[in-house]
Amino acid sequence: MDKTIHINVLLDLYDQLLSDKQKQVMDLYYREDYSLNEISDIVNTSKQAVSENIKRGEAALNSFEVSLRLAEKNRKWIEDSKCIQKELDELKAFSDDPAFLLLIHSIKSRIDKEGYYDI
């Protein structure tokens, strides 16, 4: 996975765990695509300090993921939900009973909306 995408996924999950300064710098760098020079002007600090904040922020995000594994679990949930939906589609061939088909539709809708783990 591309580093920028990876860090953005981790930011979506863990940005509230970063310090305010790290969160601001990481948002500007990864989400807003600002350069180090632009960020240093915005936060009124040196380019080196911005770079160090980004490195510390990346290390913190990766550490959170190693401990909590939310990104990994989310990826797994998505993969599993696709498999479950495929299997539900295959079940439709076993009955034309409207109640059965409605139940399958209801389960699929909840997977699409909430994730299979909420069923």
PDB file of N, CA and C in Angstrom:
ATOM      1  N   MET A   1       0.843  -1.169   0.000  1.00  0.00           N
ATOM      2  CA  MET A   1       0.000   0.000   0.000  1.00  0.00           C
ATOM      3  C   MET A   1       0.896   1.242   0.000  1.00  0.00           C
ATOM      4  N   ASP A   2       0.515   2.214  -0.771  1.00  0.00           N
ATOM      5  CA  ASP A   2       1.231   3.481  -0.841  1.00  0.00           C
ATOM      6  C   ASP A   2       1.297   4.117   0.554  1.00  0.00           C
ATOM      7  N   LYS A   3       2.452   4.705   0.887  1.00  0.00           N
ATOM      8  CA  LYS A   3       2.656   5.270   2.222  1.00  0.00           C
ATOM      9  C   LYS A   3       1.614   6.341   2.551  1.00  0.00           C
ATOM     10  N   THR A   4       1.315   7.217   1.593  1.00  0.00           N
ATOM     11  CA  THR A   4       0.348   8.285   1.843  1.00  0.00           C
ATOM     12  C   THR A   4      -1.026   7.709   2.150  1.00  0.00           C
ATOM     13  N   ILE A   5      -1.436   6.713   1.398  1.00  0.00           N
ATOM     14  CA  ILE A   5      -2.731   6.080   1.648  1.00  0.00           C
ATOM     15  C   ILE A   5      -2.722   5.409   3.016  1.00  0.00           C
ATOM     16  N   HIS A   6      -1.642   4.700   3.304  1.00  0.00           N
ATOM     17  CA  HIS A   6      -1.519   4.013   4.588  1.00  0.00           C
ATOM     18  C   HIS A   6      -1.620   5.000   5.753  1.00  0.00           C
ATOM     19  N   ILE A   7      -0.896   6.086   5.679  1.00  0.00           N
ATOM     20  CA  ILE A   7      -0.919   7.078   6.761  1.00  0.00           C
ATOM     21  C   ILE A   7      -2.293   7.725   6.856  1.00  0.00           C
ATOM     22  N   ASN A   8      -2.947   7.990   5.732  1.00  0.00           N
ATOM     23  CA  ASN A   8      -4.294   8.567   5.770  1.00  0.00           C
ATOM     24  C   ASN A   8      -5.289   7.629   6.432  1.00  0.00           C
ATOM     25  N   VAL A   9      -5.165   6.329   6.159  1.00  0.00           N
ATOM     26  CA  VAL A   9      -6.026   5.346   6.828  1.00  0.00           C
ATOM     27  C   VAL A   9      -5.784   5.397   8.332  1.00  0.00           C
ATOM     28  N   LEU A  10      -4.517   5.429   8.720  1.00  0.00           N
ATOM     29  CA  LEU A  10      -4.192   5.483  10.145  1.00  0.00           C
ATOM     30  C   LEU A  10      -4.663   6.794  10.778  1.00  0.00           C
ATOM     31  N   LEU A  11      -4.549   7.898  10.044  1.00  0.00           N
ATOM     32  CA  LEU A  11      -5.048   9.178  10.552  1.00  0.00           C
ATOM     33  C   LEU A  11      -6.551   9.113  10.788  1.00  0.00           C
ATOM     34  N   ASP A  12      -7.278   8.488   9.861  1.00  0.00           N
ATOM     35  CA  ASP A  12      -8.728   8.359  10.034  1.00  0.00           C
ATOM     36  C   ASP A  12      -9.070   7.616  11.322  1.00  0.00           C
ATOM     37  N   LEU A  13      -8.252   6.648  11.675  1.00  0.00           N
ATOM     38  CA  LEU A  13      -8.524   5.823  12.841  1.00  0.00           C
ATOM     39  C   LEU A  13      -7.980   6.410  14.143  1.00  0.00           C
ATOM     40  N   TYR A  14      -6.813   7.034  14.086  1.00  0.00           N
ATOM     41  CA  TYR A  14      -6.098   7.364  15.317  1.00  0.00           C
ATOM     42  C   TYR A  14      -5.751   8.842  15.496  1.00  0.00           C
ATOM     43  N   ASP A  15      -6.218   9.733  14.644  1.00  0.00           N
ATOM     44  CA  ASP A  15      -5.751  11.120  14.733  1.00  0.00           C
ATOM     45  C   ASP A  15      -6.049  11.771  16.082  1.00  0.00           C
ATOM     46  N   GLN A  16      -7.100  11.343  16.759  1.00  0.00           N
ATOM     47  CA  GLN A  16      -7.441  11.920  18.056  1.00  0.00           C
ATOM     48  C   GLN A  16      -6.431  11.546  19.147  1.00  0.00           C
ATOM     49  N   LEU A  17      -5.587  10.556  18.856  1.00  0.00           N
ATOM     50  CA  LEU A  17      -4.580  10.129  19.832  1.00  0.00           C
ATOM     51  C   LEU A  17      -3.270  10.898  19.685  1.00  0.00           C
ATOM     52  N   LEU A  18      -3.140  11.672  18.623  1.00  0.00           N
ATOM     53  CA  LEU A  18      -1.936  12.485  18.408  1.00  0.00           C
ATOM     54  C   LEU A  18      -2.022  13.770  19.216  1.00  0.00           C
ATOM     55  N   SER A  19      -0.862  14.377  19.461  1.00  0.00           N
ATOM     56  CA  SER A  19      -0.869  15.700  20.088  1.00  0.00           C
ATOM     57  C   SER A  19      -1.505  16.686  19.107  1.00  0.00           C
ATOM     58  N   ASP A  20      -1.961  17.818  19.615  1.00  0.00           N
ATOM     59  CA  ASP A  20      -2.594  18.816  18.741  1.00  0.00           C
ATOM     60  C   ASP A  20      -1.654  19.259  17.631  1.00  0.00           C
ATOM     61  N   LYS A  21      -0.391  19.467  17.982  1.00  0.00           N
ATOM     62  CA  LYS A  21       0.606  19.920  16.993  1.00  0.00           C
ATOM     63  C   LYS A  21       0.823  18.827  15.929  1.00  0.00           C
ATOM     64  N   GLN A  22       0.994  17.579  16.373  1.00  0.00           N
ATOM     65  CA  GLN A  22       1.189  16.484  15.415  1.00  0.00           C
ATOM     66  C   GLN A  22      -0.024  16.345  14.504  1.00  0.00           C
ATOM     67  N   LYS A  23      -1.207  16.418  15.094  1.00  0.00           N
ATOM     68  CA  LYS A  23      -2.427  16.284  14.297  1.00  0.00           C
ATOM     69  C   LYS A  23      -2.505  17.387  13.242  1.00  0.00           C
ATOM     70  N   GLN A  24      -2.232  18.610  13.638  1.00  0.00           N
ATOM     71  CA  GLN A  24      -2.282  19.730  12.699  1.00  0.00           C
ATOM     72  C   GLN A  24      -1.289  19.540  11.562  1.00  0.00           C
ATOM     73  N   VAL A  25      -0.054  19.208  11.905  1.00  0.00           N
ATOM     74  CA  VAL A  25       0.997  19.038  10.894  1.00  0.00           C
ATOM     75  C   VAL A  25       0.682  17.852   9.984  1.00  0.00           C
ATOM     76  N   MET A  26       0.237  16.739  10.571  1.00  0.00           N
ATOM     77  CA  MET A  26      -0.084  15.545   9.775  1.00  0.00           C
ATOM     78  C   MET A  26      -1.266  15.812   8.846  1.00  0.00           C
ATOM     79  N   ASP A  27      -2.264  16.535   9.338  1.00  0.00           N
ATOM     80  CA  ASP A  27      -3.409  16.888   8.484  1.00  0.00           C
ATOM     81  C   ASP A  27      -2.962  17.741   7.299  1.00  0.00           C
ATOM     82  N   LEU A  28      -2.160  18.744   7.582  1.00  0.00           N
ATOM     83  CA  LEU A  28      -1.707  19.635   6.504  1.00  0.00           C
ATOM     84  C   LEU A  28      -0.852  18.876   5.492  1.00  0.00           C
ATOM     85  N   TYR A  29       0.000  17.999   5.989  1.00  0.00           N
ATOM     86  CA  TYR A  29       0.930  17.297   5.101  1.00  0.00           C
ATOM     87  C   TYR A  29       0.245  16.176   4.319  1.00  0.00           C
ATOM     88  N   TYR A  30      -0.506  15.331   5.009  1.00  0.00           N
ATOM     89  CA  TYR A  30      -1.078  14.152   4.355  1.00  0.00           C
ATOM     90  C   TYR A  30      -2.468  14.377   3.772  1.00  0.00           C
ATOM     91  N   ARG A  31      -3.303  15.133   4.443  1.00  0.00           N
ATOM     92  CA  ARG A  31      -4.675  15.316   3.943  1.00  0.00           C
ATOM     93  C   ARG A  31      -4.806  16.514   3.015  1.00  0.00           C
ATOM     94  N   GLU A  32      -4.044  17.567   3.310  1.00  0.00           N
ATOM     95  CA  GLU A  32      -4.151  18.787   2.503  1.00  0.00           C
ATOM     96  C   GLU A  32      -3.035  18.933   1.474  1.00  0.00           C
ATOM     97  N   ASP A  33      -2.037  18.058   1.544  1.00  0.00           N
ATOM     98  CA  ASP A  33      -0.933  18.016   0.587  1.00  0.00           C
ATOM     99  C   ASP A  33      -0.098  19.307   0.568  1.00  0.00           C
ATOM    100  N   TYR A  34       0.092  19.885   1.741  1.00  0.00           N
ATOM    101  CA  TYR A  34       0.952  21.064   1.843  1.00  0.00           C
ATOM    102  C   TYR A  34       2.412  20.615   1.872  1.00  0.00           C
ATOM    103  N   SER A  35       3.297  21.499   1.416  1.00  0.00           N
ATOM    104  CA  SER A  35       4.732  21.214   1.474  1.00  0.00           C
ATOM    105  C   SER A  35       5.245  21.533   2.882  1.00  0.00           C
ATOM    106  N   LEU A  36       6.454  21.059   3.175  1.00  0.00           N
ATOM    107  CA  LEU A  36       7.062  21.365   4.476  1.00  0.00           C
ATOM    108  C   LEU A  36       7.217  22.868   4.669  1.00  0.00           C
ATOM    109  N   ASN A  37       7.615  23.568   3.613  1.00  0.00           N
ATOM    110  CA  ASN A  37       7.772  25.032   3.697  1.00  0.00           C
ATOM    111  C   ASN A  37       6.440  25.713   3.993  1.00  0.00           C
ATOM    112  N   GLU A  38       5.378  25.285   3.322  1.00  0.00           N
ATOM    113  CA  GLU A  38       4.062  25.885   3.556  1.00  0.00           C
ATOM    114  C   GLU A  38       3.600  25.632   4.991  1.00  0.00           C
ATOM    115  N   ILE A  39       3.828  24.418   5.463  1.00  0.00           N
ATOM    116  CA  ILE A  39       3.416  24.083   6.825  1.00  0.00           C
ATOM    117  C   ILE A  39       4.223  24.887   7.842  1.00  0.00           C
ATOM    118  N   SER A  40       5.522  25.026   7.594  1.00  0.00           N
ATOM    119  CA  SER A  40       6.345  25.792   8.543  1.00  0.00           C
ATOM    120  C   SER A  40       5.871  27.242   8.626  1.00  0.00           C
ATOM    121  N   ASP A  41       5.416  27.804   7.512  1.00  0.00           N
ATOM    122  CA  ASP A  41       4.860  29.162   7.537  1.00  0.00           C
ATOM    123  C   ASP A  41       3.555  29.210   8.332  1.00  0.00           C
ATOM    124  N   ILE A  42       2.692  28.222   8.143  1.00  0.00           N
ATOM    125  CA  ILE A  42       1.388  28.191   8.810  1.00  0.00           C
ATOM    126  C   ILE A  42       1.526  28.034  10.316  1.00  0.00           C
ATOM    127  N   VAL A  43       2.391  27.122  10.731  1.00  0.00           N
ATOM    128  CA  VAL A  43       2.521  26.849  12.175  1.00  0.00           C
ATOM    129  C   VAL A  43       3.630  27.672  12.830  1.00  0.00           C
ATOM    130  N   ASN A  44       4.268  28.500  12.017  1.00  0.00           N
ATOM    131  CA  ASN A  44       5.292  29.422  12.509  1.00  0.00           C
ATOM    132  C   ASN A  44       6.426  28.692  13.241  1.00  0.00           C
ATOM    133  N   THR A  45       6.995  27.719  12.542  1.00  0.00           N
ATOM    134  CA  THR A  45       8.123  26.962  13.075  1.00  0.00           C
ATOM    135  C   THR A  45       9.056  26.611  11.921  1.00  0.00           C
ATOM    136  N   SER A  46      10.181  26.023  12.220  1.00  0.00           N
ATOM    137  CA  SER A  46      11.148  25.708  11.171  1.00  0.00           C
ATOM    138  C   SER A  46      10.702  24.499  10.349  1.00  0.00           C
ATOM    139  N   LYS A  47      11.240  24.418   9.156  1.00  0.00           N
ATOM    140  CA  LYS A  47      10.971  23.280   8.285  1.00  0.00           C
ATOM    141  C   LYS A  47      11.450  21.986   8.948  1.00  0.00           C
ATOM    142  N   GLN A  48      12.586  22.060   9.642  1.00  0.00           N
ATOM    143  CA  GLN A  48      13.130  20.897  10.349  1.00  0.00           C
ATOM    144  C   GLN A  48      12.171  20.433  11.445  1.00  0.00           C
ATOM    145  N   ALA A  49      11.589  21.364  12.187  1.00  0.00           N
ATOM    146  CA  ALA A  49      10.646  21.012  13.250  1.00  0.00           C
ATOM    147  C   ALA A  49       9.395  20.356  12.662  1.00  0.00           C
ATOM    148  N   VAL A  50       8.948  20.859  11.521  1.00  0.00           N
ATOM    149  CA  VAL A  50       7.799  20.261  10.840  1.00  0.00           C
ATOM    150  C   VAL A  50       8.122  18.829  10.432  1.00  0.00           C
ATOM    151  N   SER A  51       9.289  18.641   9.847  1.00  0.00           N
ATOM    152  CA  SER A  51       9.719  17.311   9.425  1.00  0.00           C
ATOM    153  C   SER A  51       9.780  16.354  10.607  1.00  0.00           C
ATOM    154  N   GLU A  52      10.320  16.816  11.715  1.00  0.00           N
ATOM    155  CA  GLU A  52      10.411  15.975  12.918  1.00  0.00           C
ATOM    156  C   GLU A  52       9.021  15.646  13.467  1.00  0.00           C
ATOM    157  N   ASN A  53       8.108  16.628  13.432  1.00  0.00           N
ATOM    158  CA  ASN A  53       6.733  16.369  13.874  1.00  0.00           C
ATOM    159  C   ASN A  53       6.054  15.321  13.007  1.00  0.00           C
ATOM    160  N   ILE A  54       6.313  15.375  11.711  1.00  0.00           N
ATOM    161  CA  ILE A  54       5.735  14.385  10.797  1.00  0.00           C
ATOM    162  C   ILE A  54       6.301  13.001  11.103  1.00  0.00           C
ATOM    163  N   LYS A  55       7.611  12.923  11.288  1.00  0.00           N
ATOM    164  CA  LYS A  55       8.229  11.623  11.602  1.00  0.00           C
ATOM    165  C   LYS A  55       7.701  11.056  12.914  1.00  0.00           C
ATOM    166  N   ARG A  56       7.582  11.905  13.933  1.00  0.00           N
ATOM    167  CA  ARG A  56       7.040  11.446  15.218  1.00  0.00           C
ATOM    168  C   ARG A  56       5.569  11.045  15.082  1.00  0.00           C
ATOM    169  N   GLY A  57       4.827  11.796  14.279  1.00  0.00           N
ATOM    170  CA  GLY A  57       3.419  11.461  14.052  1.00  0.00           C
ATOM    171  C   GLY A  57       3.264  10.133  13.344  1.00  0.00           C
ATOM    172  N   GLU A  58       4.079   9.895  12.315  1.00  0.00           N
ATOM    173  CA  GLU A  58       4.049   8.615  11.601  1.00  0.00           C
ATOM    174  C   GLU A  58       4.395   7.463  12.540  1.00  0.00           C
ATOM    175  N   ALA A  59       5.426   7.678  13.363  1.00  0.00           N
ATOM    176  CA  ALA A  59       5.837   6.628  14.310  1.00  0.00           C
ATOM    177  C   ALA A  59       4.713   6.353  15.308  1.00  0.00           C
ATOM    178  N   ALA A  60       4.062   7.393  15.789  1.00  0.00           N
ATOM    179  CA  ALA A  60       2.965   7.216  16.745  1.00  0.00           C
ATOM    180  C   ALA A  60       1.807   6.458  16.101  1.00  0.00           C
ATOM    181  N   LEU A  61       1.432   6.851  14.881  1.00  0.00           N
ATOM    182  CA  LEU A  61       0.329   6.171  14.189  1.00  0.00           C
ATOM    183  C   LEU A  61       0.646   4.700  13.969  1.00  0.00           C
ATOM    184  N   ASN A  62       1.869   4.414  13.543  1.00  0.00           N
ATOM    185  CA  ASN A  62       2.256   3.017  13.322  1.00  0.00           C
ATOM    186  C   ASN A  62       2.273   2.243  14.634  1.00  0.00           C
ATOM    187  N   SER A  63       2.678   2.881  15.704  1.00  0.00           N
ATOM    188  CA  SER A  63       2.674   2.237  17.013  1.00  0.00           C
ATOM    189  C   SER A  63       1.240   1.931  17.464  1.00  0.00           C
ATOM    190  N   PHE A  64       0.326   2.878  17.242  1.00  0.00           N
ATOM    191  CA  PHE A  64      -1.081   2.639  17.578  1.00  0.00           C
ATOM    192  C   PHE A  64      -1.619   1.449  16.799  1.00  0.00           C
ATOM    193  N   GLU A  65      -1.268   1.366  15.524  1.00  0.00           N
ATOM    194  CA  GLU A  65      -1.761   0.263  14.695  1.00  0.00           C
ATOM    195  C   GLU A  65      -1.179  -1.072  15.145  1.00  0.00           C
ATOM    196  N   VAL A  66       0.096  -1.084  15.530  1.00  0.00           N
ATOM    197  CA  VAL A  66       0.704  -2.328  16.022  1.00  0.00           C
ATOM    198  C   VAL A  66      -0.034  -2.810  17.275  1.00  0.00           C
ATOM    199  N   SER A  67      -0.392  -1.873  18.139  1.00  0.00           N
ATOM    200  CA  SER A  67      -1.066  -2.234  19.391  1.00  0.00           C
ATOM    201  C   SER A  67      -2.541  -2.569  19.193  1.00  0.00           C
ATOM    202  N   LEU A  68      -3.253  -1.750  18.422  1.00  0.00           N
ATOM    203  CA  LEU A  68      -4.707  -1.875  18.330  1.00  0.00           C
ATOM    204  C   LEU A  68      -5.205  -2.623  17.088  1.00  0.00           C
ATOM    205  N   ARG A  69      -4.430  -2.560  16.003  1.00  0.00           N
ATOM    206  CA  ARG A  69      -4.721  -3.281  14.759  1.00  0.00           C
ATOM    207  C   ARG A  69      -6.088  -2.943  14.148  1.00  0.00           C
ATOM    208  N   LEU A  70      -6.562  -1.711  14.324  1.00  0.00           N
ATOM    209  CA  LEU A  70      -7.870  -1.335  13.787  1.00  0.00           C
ATOM    210  C   LEU A  70      -7.900  -1.328  12.268  1.00  0.00           C
ATOM    211  N   ALA A  71      -6.838  -0.867  11.628  1.00  0.00           N
ATOM    212  CA  ALA A  71      -6.801  -0.856  10.162  1.00  0.00           C
ATOM    213  C   ALA A  71      -6.824  -2.281   9.626  1.00  0.00           C
ATOM    214  N   GLU A  72      -6.066  -3.154  10.258  1.00  0.00           N
ATOM    215  CA  GLU A  72      -6.038  -4.557   9.841  1.00  0.00           C
ATOM    216  C   GLU A  72      -7.414  -5.200  10.031  1.00  0.00           C
ATOM    217  N   LYS A  73      -8.048  -4.943  11.168  1.00  0.00           N
ATOM    218  CA  LYS A  73      -9.374  -5.501  11.436  1.00  0.00           C
ATOM    219  C   LYS A  73     -10.403  -4.967  10.449  1.00  0.00           C
ATOM    220  N   ASN A  74     -10.325  -3.683  10.137  1.00  0.00           N
ATOM    221  CA  ASN A  74     -11.250  -3.083   9.185  1.00  0.00           C
ATOM    222  C   ASN A  74     -11.101  -3.725   7.805  1.00  0.00           C
ATOM    223  N   ARG A  75      -9.869  -3.922   7.379  1.00  0.00           N
ATOM    224  CA  ARG A  75      -9.625  -4.563   6.087  1.00  0.00           C
ATOM    225  C   ARG A  75     -10.207  -5.974   6.077  1.00  0.00           C
ATOM    226  N   LYS A  76     -10.015  -6.689   7.159  1.00  0.00           N
ATOM    227  CA  LYS A  76     -10.538  -8.054   7.279  1.00  0.00           C
ATOM    228  C   LYS A  76     -12.064  -8.050   7.272  1.00  0.00           C
ATOM    229  N   TRP A  77     -12.678  -7.106   7.979  1.00  0.00           N
ATOM    230  CA  TRP A  77     -14.137  -7.011   7.994  1.00  0.00           C
ATOM    231  C   TRP A  77     -14.681  -6.771   6.588  1.00  0.00           C
ATOM    232  N   ILE A  78     -14.008  -5.936   5.837  1.00  0.00           N
ATOM    233  CA  ILE A  78     -14.451  -5.655   4.464  1.00  0.00           C
ATOM    234  C   ILE A  78     -14.352  -6.915   3.609  1.00  0.00           C
ATOM    235  N   GLU A  79     -13.232  -7.613   3.709  1.00  0.00           N
ATOM    236  CA  GLU A  79     -13.066  -8.863   2.956  1.00  0.00           C
ATOM    237  C   GLU A  79     -14.132  -9.882   3.352  1.00  0.00           C
ATOM    238  N   ASP A  80     -14.349 -10.054   4.650  1.00  0.00           N
ATOM    239  CA  ASP A  80     -15.339 -11.013   5.132  1.00  0.00           C
ATOM    240  C   ASP A  80     -16.743 -10.646   4.683  1.00  0.00           C
ATOM    241  N   SER A  81     -17.076  -9.363   4.729  1.00  0.00           N
ATOM    242  CA  SER A  81     -18.427  -8.952   4.342  1.00  0.00           C
ATOM    243  C   SER A  81     -18.685  -9.231   2.867  1.00  0.00           C
ATOM    244  N   LYS A  82     -17.670  -9.076   2.032  1.00  0.00           N
ATOM    245  CA  LYS A  82     -17.835  -9.401   0.609  1.00  0.00           C
ATOM    246  C   LYS A  82     -18.101 -10.886   0.425  1.00  0.00           C
ATOM    247  N   CYS A  83     -17.390 -11.730   1.170  1.00  0.00           N
ATOM    248  CA  CYS A  83     -17.604 -13.181   1.093  1.00  0.00           C
ATOM    249  C   CYS A  83     -18.994 -13.560   1.589  1.00  0.00           C
ATOM    250  N   ILE A  84     -19.417 -12.963   2.689  1.00  0.00           N
ATOM    251  CA  ILE A  84     -20.735 -13.259   3.245  1.00  0.00           C
ATOM    252  C   ILE A  84     -21.826 -12.833   2.267  1.00  0.00           C
ATOM    253  N   GLN A  85     -21.674 -11.684   1.656  1.00  0.00           N
ATOM    254  CA  GLN A  85     -22.679 -11.225   0.693  1.00  0.00           C
ATOM    255  C   GLN A  85     -22.757 -12.163  -0.506  1.00  0.00           C
ATOM    256  N   LYS A  86     -21.630 -12.643  -0.970  1.00  0.00           N
ATOM    257  CA  LYS A  86     -21.615 -13.598  -2.081  1.00  0.00           C
ATOM    258  C   LYS A  86     -22.348 -14.874  -1.688  1.00  0.00           C
ATOM    259  N   GLU A  87     -22.084 -15.361  -0.497  1.00  0.00           N
ATOM    260  CA  GLU A  87     -22.740 -16.578  -0.021  1.00  0.00           C
ATOM    261  C   GLU A  87     -24.242 -16.373   0.167  1.00  0.00           C
ATOM    262  N   LEU A  88     -24.651 -15.187   0.609  1.00  0.00           N
ATOM    263  CA  LEU A  88     -26.074 -14.893   0.723  1.00  0.00           C
ATOM    264  C   LEU A  88     -26.740 -14.897  -0.652  1.00  0.00           C
ATOM    265  N   ASP A  89     -26.059 -14.364  -1.655  1.00  0.00           N
ATOM    266  CA  ASP A  89     -26.595 -14.406  -3.023  1.00  0.00           C
ATOM    267  C   ASP A  89     -26.776 -15.844  -3.492  1.00  0.00           C
ATOM    268  N   GLU A  90     -25.825 -16.701  -3.136  1.00  0.00           N
ATOM    269  CA  GLU A  90     -25.924 -18.113  -3.523  1.00  0.00           C
ATOM    270  C   GLU A  90     -27.080 -18.804  -2.815  1.00  0.00           C
ATOM    271  N   LEU A  91     -27.410 -18.387  -1.593  1.00  0.00           N
ATOM    272  CA  LEU A  91     -28.524 -18.977  -0.857  1.00  0.00           C
ATOM    273  C   LEU A  91     -29.874 -18.713  -1.521  1.00  0.00           C
ATOM    274  N   LYS A  92     -29.988 -17.624  -2.256  1.00  0.00           N
ATOM    275  CA  LYS A  92     -31.245 -17.278  -2.913  1.00  0.00           C
ATOM    276  C   LYS A  92     -31.729 -18.392  -3.839  1.00  0.00           C
ATOM    277  N   ALA A  93     -30.816 -19.172  -4.380  1.00  0.00           N
ATOM    278  CA  ALA A  93     -31.177 -20.247  -5.310  1.00  0.00           C
ATOM    279  C   ALA A  93     -31.915 -21.385  -4.614  1.00  0.00           C
ATOM    280  N   PHE A  94     -31.873 -21.444  -3.294  1.00  0.00           N
ATOM    281  CA  PHE A  94     -32.464 -22.562  -2.570  1.00  0.00           C
ATOM    282  C   PHE A  94     -33.932 -22.349  -2.202  1.00  0.00           C
ATOM    283  N   SER A  95     -34.452 -21.143  -2.371  1.00  0.00           N
ATOM    284  CA  SER A  95     -35.847 -20.926  -2.006  1.00  0.00           C
ATOM    285  C   SER A  95     -36.396 -19.689  -2.705  1.00  0.00           C
ATOM    286  N   ASP A  96     -37.671 -19.808  -3.097  1.00  0.00           N
ATOM    287  CA  ASP A  96     -38.392 -18.656  -3.650  1.00  0.00           C
ATOM    288  C   ASP A  96     -39.327 -18.057  -2.607  1.00  0.00           C
ATOM    289  N   ASP A  97     -39.263 -18.600  -1.388  1.00  0.00           N
ATOM    290  CA  ASP A  97     -40.120 -18.114  -0.309  1.00  0.00           C
ATOM    291  C   ASP A  97     -39.833 -16.629  -0.067  1.00  0.00           C
ATOM    292  N   PRO A  98     -40.856 -15.772  -0.213  1.00  0.00           N
ATOM    293  CA  PRO A  98     -40.647 -14.328  -0.028  1.00  0.00           C
ATOM    294  C   PRO A  98     -40.058 -13.965   1.344  1.00  0.00           C
ATOM    295  N   ALA A  99     -40.449 -14.667   2.393  1.00  0.00           N
ATOM    296  CA  ALA A  99     -39.910 -14.376   3.727  1.00  0.00           C
ATOM    297  C   ALA A  99     -38.418 -14.676   3.782  1.00  0.00           C
ATOM    298  N   PHE A 100     -38.004 -15.775   3.159  1.00  0.00           N
ATOM    299  CA  PHE A 100     -36.594 -16.155   3.102  1.00  0.00           C
ATOM    300  C   PHE A 100     -35.790 -15.110   2.322  1.00  0.00           C
ATOM    301  N   LEU A 101     -36.307 -14.725   1.158  1.00  0.00           N
ATOM    302  CA  LEU A 101     -35.613 -13.726   0.330  1.00  0.00           C
ATOM    303  C   LEU A 101     -35.559 -12.372   1.026  1.00  0.00           C
ATOM    304  N   LEU A 102     -36.620 -12.031   1.756  1.00  0.00           N
ATOM    305  CA  LEU A 102     -36.634 -10.772   2.504  1.00  0.00           C
ATOM    306  C   LEU A 102     -35.588 -10.805   3.613  1.00  0.00           C
ATOM    307  N   LEU A 103     -35.447 -11.932   4.263  1.00  0.00           N
ATOM    308  CA  LEU A 103     -34.432 -12.076   5.309  1.00  0.00           C
ATOM    309  C   LEU A 103     -33.027 -11.909   4.730  1.00  0.00           C
ATOM    310  N   ILE A 104     -32.766 -12.542   3.601  1.00  0.00           N
ATOM    311  CA  ILE A 104     -31.456 -12.391   2.947  1.00  0.00           C
ATOM    312  C   ILE A 104     -31.209 -10.931   2.583  1.00  0.00           C
ATOM    313  N   HIS A 105     -32.229 -10.297   2.014  1.00  0.00           N
ATOM    314  CA  HIS A 105     -32.100  -8.878   1.647  1.00  0.00           C
ATOM    315  C   HIS A 105     -31.818  -8.017   2.887  1.00  0.00           C
ATOM    316  N   SER A 106     -32.511  -8.318   3.981  1.00  0.00           N
ATOM    317  CA  SER A 106     -32.313  -7.563   5.219  1.00  0.00           C
ATOM    318  C   SER A 106     -30.890  -7.713   5.743  1.00  0.00           C
ATOM    319  N   ILE A 107     -30.388  -8.925   5.725  1.00  0.00           N
ATOM    320  CA  ILE A 107     -29.016  -9.166   6.190  1.00  0.00           C
ATOM    321  C   ILE A 107     -28.016  -8.428   5.306  1.00  0.00           C
ATOM    322  N   LYS A 108     -28.203  -8.526   3.991  1.00  0.00           N
ATOM    323  CA  LYS A 108     -27.282  -7.838   3.069  1.00  0.00           C
ATOM    324  C   LYS A 108     -27.317  -6.328   3.270  1.00  0.00           C
ATOM    325  N   SER A 109     -28.495  -5.787   3.507  1.00  0.00           N
ATOM    326  CA  SER A 109     -28.620  -4.342   3.724  1.00  0.00           C
ATOM    327  C   SER A 109     -27.873  -3.910   4.972  1.00  0.00           C
ATOM    328  N   ARG A 110     -27.964  -4.713   6.025  1.00  0.00           N
ATOM    329  CA  ARG A 110     -27.259  -4.385   7.265  1.00  0.00           C
ATOM    330  C   ARG A 110     -25.755  -4.493   7.090  1.00  0.00           C
ATOM    331  N   ILE A 111     -25.312  -5.448   6.290  1.00  0.00           N
ATOM    332  CA  ILE A 111     -23.873  -5.567   6.020  1.00  0.00           C
ATOM    333  C   ILE A 111     -23.393  -4.335   5.273  1.00  0.00           C
ATOM    334  N   ASP A 112     -24.132  -3.925   4.251  1.00  0.00           N
ATOM    335  CA  ASP A 112     -23.755  -2.745   3.473  1.00  0.00           C
ATOM    336  C   ASP A 112     -23.730  -1.489   4.338  1.00  0.00           C
ATOM    337  N   LYS A 113     -24.690  -1.393   5.241  1.00  0.00           N
ATOM    338  CA  LYS A 113     -24.859  -0.180   6.027  1.00  0.00           C
ATOM    339  C   LYS A 113     -23.949  -0.124   7.246  1.00  0.00           C
ATOM    340  N   GLU A 114     -23.811  -1.238   7.966  1.00  0.00           N
ATOM    341  CA  GLU A 114     -23.175  -1.208   9.266  1.00  0.00           C
ATOM    342  C   GLU A 114     -21.930  -2.066   9.386  1.00  0.00           C
ATOM    343  N   GLY A 115     -21.755  -3.030   8.526  1.00  0.00           N
ATOM    344  CA  GLY A 115     -20.692  -4.011   8.704  1.00  0.00           C
ATOM    345  C   GLY A 115     -21.269  -5.282   9.274  1.00  0.00           C
ATOM    346  N   TYR A 116     -20.751  -6.401   8.847  1.00  0.00           N
ATOM    347  CA  TYR A 116     -21.347  -7.693   9.214  1.00  0.00           C
ATOM    348  C   TYR A 116     -21.309  -7.968  10.698  1.00  0.00           C
ATOM    349  N   TYR A 117     -20.378  -7.356  11.411  1.00  0.00           N
ATOM    350  CA  TYR A 117     -20.212  -7.628  12.828  1.00  0.00           C
ATOM    351  C   TYR A 117     -21.343  -7.053  13.661  1.00  0.00           C
ATOM    352  N   ASP A 118     -22.237  -6.246  13.050  1.00  0.00           N
ATOM    353  CA  ASP A 118     -23.366  -5.671  13.780  1.00  0.00           C
ATOM    354  C   ASP A 118     -24.642  -6.483  13.594  1.00  0.00           C
ATOM    355  N   ILE A 119     -24.588  -7.581  12.905  1.00  0.00           N
ATOM    356  CA  ILE A 119     -25.791  -8.389  12.659  1.00  0.00           C
ATOM    357  C   ILE A 119     -26.209  -9.071  13.941  1.00  0.00           C
TER     358      ILE A 119
END
